[in-house]
Amino acid sequence: MCLGVPGKIISINDTRGMALIGGIQREVFLQLVPEVKLGEYVLVHAGCALAIIDEGEAESTLCLLKELCEK
């Protein structure tokens, strides 16, 4: 089973960017979503941004993941 997590794009440098995921900065490849802009959320899997996602969806998913970690 694979898990994609939401990340907020905080910097872009050509085909790479930095995403903030649960308070941690991770480098992500942006080749699959070249239209992404700073401040948008993307679904990240294996270091690749797969799709741009809605901020509300991202926030609720991060909240659910946090709840799972606390149990």
N, C-alpha and C. Protein backbone atom coordinates (compact mmCIF):
# COMPACT_ATOMS: atom_id res chain seq x y z
N MET A 1 0.84 -1.17 0.00
CA MET A 1 0.00 0.00 0.00
C MET A 1 0.89 1.24 0.00
N CYS A 2 0.48 2.24 -0.74
CA CYS A 2 1.23 3.49 -0.84
C CYS A 2 0.48 4.59 -0.10
N LEU A 3 1.23 5.56 0.37
CA LEU A 3 0.63 6.67 1.09
C LEU A 3 1.17 7.98 0.53
N GLY A 4 0.27 8.84 0.08
CA GLY A 4 0.64 10.18 -0.35
C GLY A 4 0.21 11.15 0.74
N VAL A 5 1.05 12.14 1.02
CA VAL A 5 0.74 13.09 2.07
C VAL A 5 0.73 14.51 1.49
N PRO A 6 -0.08 15.40 2.06
CA PRO A 6 -0.12 16.77 1.58
C PRO A 6 1.11 17.55 2.03
N GLY A 7 1.60 18.38 1.14
CA GLY A 7 2.72 19.27 1.47
C GLY A 7 2.48 20.64 0.86
N LYS A 8 2.84 21.68 1.60
CA LYS A 8 2.67 23.05 1.12
C LYS A 8 3.98 23.50 0.47
N ILE A 9 3.91 23.95 -0.77
CA ILE A 9 5.10 24.37 -1.49
C ILE A 9 5.59 25.71 -0.94
N ILE A 10 6.85 25.72 -0.44
CA ILE A 10 7.39 26.94 0.15
C ILE A 10 8.52 27.54 -0.68
N SER A 11 9.04 26.77 -1.64
CA SER A 11 10.03 27.34 -2.57
C SER A 11 10.04 26.48 -3.83
N ILE A 12 10.40 27.14 -4.94
CA ILE A 12 10.47 26.45 -6.23
C ILE A 12 11.77 26.84 -6.89
N ASN A 13 12.48 25.83 -7.40
CA ASN A 13 13.72 26.04 -8.13
C ASN A 13 13.72 25.11 -9.34
N ASP A 14 13.20 25.61 -10.46
CA ASP A 14 13.10 24.84 -11.70
C ASP A 14 12.15 23.65 -11.51
N THR A 15 12.64 22.43 -11.58
CA THR A 15 11.78 21.25 -11.46
C THR A 15 11.78 20.65 -10.06
N ARG A 16 12.36 21.37 -9.11
CA ARG A 16 12.38 20.92 -7.72
C ARG A 16 11.80 22.00 -6.83
N GLY A 17 11.35 21.59 -5.68
CA GLY A 17 10.82 22.55 -4.73
C GLY A 17 10.95 22.03 -3.32
N MET A 18 10.64 22.88 -2.36
CA MET A 18 10.60 22.47 -0.96
C MET A 18 9.15 22.49 -0.52
N ALA A 19 8.76 21.41 0.13
CA ALA A 19 7.39 21.30 0.65
C ALA A 19 7.46 21.18 2.16
N LEU A 20 6.53 21.84 2.82
CA LEU A 20 6.39 21.75 4.26
C LEU A 20 5.34 20.68 4.55
N ILE A 21 5.78 19.60 5.18
CA ILE A 21 4.90 18.46 5.45
C ILE A 21 4.93 18.19 6.96
N GLY A 22 3.85 18.56 7.62
CA GLY A 22 3.79 18.32 9.07
C GLY A 22 4.91 19.00 9.84
N GLY A 23 5.32 20.18 9.42
CA GLY A 23 6.38 20.91 10.10
C GLY A 23 7.79 20.56 9.65
N ILE A 24 7.92 19.64 8.72
CA ILE A 24 9.23 19.21 8.22
C ILE A 24 9.36 19.63 6.76
N GLN A 25 10.51 20.20 6.41
CA GLN A 25 10.76 20.58 5.03
C GLN A 25 11.37 19.41 4.27
N ARG A 26 10.79 19.12 3.10
CA ARG A 26 11.28 18.02 2.26
C ARG A 26 11.42 18.50 0.83
N GLU A 27 12.50 18.09 0.17
CA GLU A 27 12.65 18.40 -1.24
C GLU A 27 11.71 17.49 -2.03
N VAL A 28 11.02 18.07 -3.01
CA VAL A 28 10.12 17.30 -3.86
C VAL A 28 10.39 17.64 -5.32
N PHE A 29 10.15 16.67 -6.17
CA PHE A 29 10.28 16.87 -7.60
C PHE A 29 8.93 17.35 -8.13
N LEU A 30 8.97 18.35 -8.99
CA LEU A 30 7.74 18.99 -9.46
C LEU A 30 7.44 18.74 -10.94
N GLN A 31 8.11 17.77 -11.57
CA GLN A 31 7.92 17.53 -13.00
C GLN A 31 6.48 17.20 -13.37
N LEU A 32 5.74 16.55 -12.49
CA LEU A 32 4.37 16.14 -12.81
C LEU A 32 3.35 17.26 -12.61
N VAL A 33 3.75 18.32 -11.89
CA VAL A 33 2.86 19.47 -11.66
C VAL A 33 3.62 20.77 -11.91
N PRO A 34 4.06 21.01 -13.14
CA PRO A 34 4.89 22.20 -13.42
C PRO A 34 4.15 23.52 -13.20
N GLU A 35 2.81 23.47 -13.12
CA GLU A 35 2.02 24.69 -12.94
C GLU A 35 1.85 25.10 -11.48
N VAL A 36 2.41 24.33 -10.55
CA VAL A 36 2.25 24.61 -9.12
C VAL A 36 2.88 25.96 -8.77
N LYS A 37 2.24 26.65 -7.82
CA LYS A 37 2.71 27.97 -7.37
C LYS A 37 3.04 27.92 -5.88
N LEU A 38 3.84 28.89 -5.45
CA LEU A 38 4.16 29.00 -4.02
C LEU A 38 2.89 29.08 -3.20
N GLY A 39 2.87 28.36 -2.09
CA GLY A 39 1.73 28.40 -1.18
C GLY A 39 0.65 27.37 -1.48
N GLU A 40 0.73 26.72 -2.64
CA GLU A 40 -0.26 25.69 -2.96
C GLU A 40 0.13 24.37 -2.31
N TYR A 41 -0.86 23.52 -2.12
CA TYR A 41 -0.64 22.19 -1.56
C TYR A 41 -0.58 21.16 -2.68
N VAL A 42 0.31 20.19 -2.50
CA VAL A 42 0.43 19.10 -3.45
C VAL A 42 0.38 17.78 -2.69
N LEU A 43 0.01 16.73 -3.40
CA LEU A 43 0.04 15.39 -2.84
C LEU A 43 1.43 14.82 -3.15
N VAL A 44 2.17 14.45 -2.09
CA VAL A 44 3.55 13.99 -2.24
C VAL A 44 3.65 12.50 -1.96
N HIS A 45 4.28 11.78 -2.88
CA HIS A 45 4.55 10.36 -2.69
C HIS A 45 5.95 10.07 -3.22
N ALA A 46 6.77 9.44 -2.40
CA ALA A 46 8.13 9.04 -2.79
C ALA A 46 8.94 10.21 -3.33
N GLY A 47 8.75 11.39 -2.73
CA GLY A 47 9.53 12.56 -3.12
C GLY A 47 9.05 13.27 -4.36
N CYS A 48 7.91 12.85 -4.91
CA CYS A 48 7.36 13.48 -6.11
C CYS A 48 6.01 14.10 -5.80
N ALA A 49 5.81 15.32 -6.29
CA ALA A 49 4.49 15.96 -6.20
C ALA A 49 3.64 15.37 -7.32
N LEU A 50 2.53 14.74 -6.95
CA LEU A 50 1.69 14.05 -7.94
C LEU A 50 0.55 14.91 -8.46
N ALA A 51 0.01 15.78 -7.61
CA ALA A 51 -1.15 16.59 -8.00
C ALA A 51 -1.29 17.76 -7.05
N ILE A 52 -1.86 18.85 -7.55
CA ILE A 52 -2.20 19.98 -6.70
C ILE A 52 -3.53 19.65 -6.03
N ILE A 53 -3.61 19.90 -4.72
CA ILE A 53 -4.83 19.59 -3.99
C ILE A 53 -5.35 20.84 -3.28
N ASP A 54 -6.60 20.81 -2.94
CA ASP A 54 -7.28 21.90 -2.24
C ASP A 54 -6.72 22.05 -0.83
N GLU A 55 -6.58 23.31 -0.39
CA GLU A 55 -6.04 23.58 0.95
C GLU A 55 -6.87 22.94 2.05
N GLY A 56 -8.19 23.00 1.94
CA GLY A 56 -9.07 22.39 2.95
C GLY A 56 -8.88 20.88 3.03
N GLU A 57 -8.77 20.25 1.89
CA GLU A 57 -8.53 18.80 1.84
C GLU A 57 -7.19 18.46 2.48
N ALA A 58 -6.18 19.28 2.17
CA ALA A 58 -4.85 19.05 2.73
C ALA A 58 -4.87 19.17 4.25
N GLU A 59 -5.51 20.23 4.75
CA GLU A 59 -5.57 20.46 6.20
C GLU A 59 -6.30 19.32 6.92
N SER A 60 -7.41 18.86 6.35
CA SER A 60 -8.15 17.79 7.02
C SER A 60 -7.37 16.48 6.99
N THR A 61 -6.66 16.21 5.92
CA THR A 61 -5.84 15.00 5.85
C THR A 61 -4.70 15.05 6.86
N LEU A 62 -4.04 16.20 6.97
CA LEU A 62 -2.95 16.34 7.94
C LEU A 62 -3.47 16.18 9.37
N CYS A 63 -4.67 16.69 9.63
CA CYS A 63 -5.29 16.55 10.95
C CYS A 63 -5.55 15.08 11.27
N LEU A 64 -6.09 14.35 10.30
CA LEU A 64 -6.35 12.92 10.49
C LEU A 64 -5.06 12.15 10.73
N LEU A 65 -4.02 12.46 9.98
CA LEU A 65 -2.73 11.78 10.16
C LEU A 65 -2.15 12.06 11.55
N LYS A 66 -2.31 13.30 12.01
CA LYS A 66 -1.83 13.66 13.35
C LYS A 66 -2.59 12.87 14.41
N GLU A 67 -3.91 12.73 14.25
CA GLU A 67 -4.73 11.95 15.21
C GLU A 67 -4.27 10.50 15.24
N LEU A 68 -3.99 9.92 14.08
CA LEU A 68 -3.54 8.53 14.03
C LEU A 68 -2.21 8.34 14.76
N CYS A 69 -1.32 9.31 14.64
CA CYS A 69 -0.02 9.22 15.31
C CYS A 69 -0.14 9.33 16.82
N GLU A 70 -1.17 10.01 17.30
CA GLU A 70 -1.34 10.21 18.74
C GLU A 70 -1.95 9.01 19.43
N LYS A 71 -2.51 8.08 18.67
CA LYS A 71 -3.18 6.91 19.29
C LYS A 71 -2.21 5.81 19.55
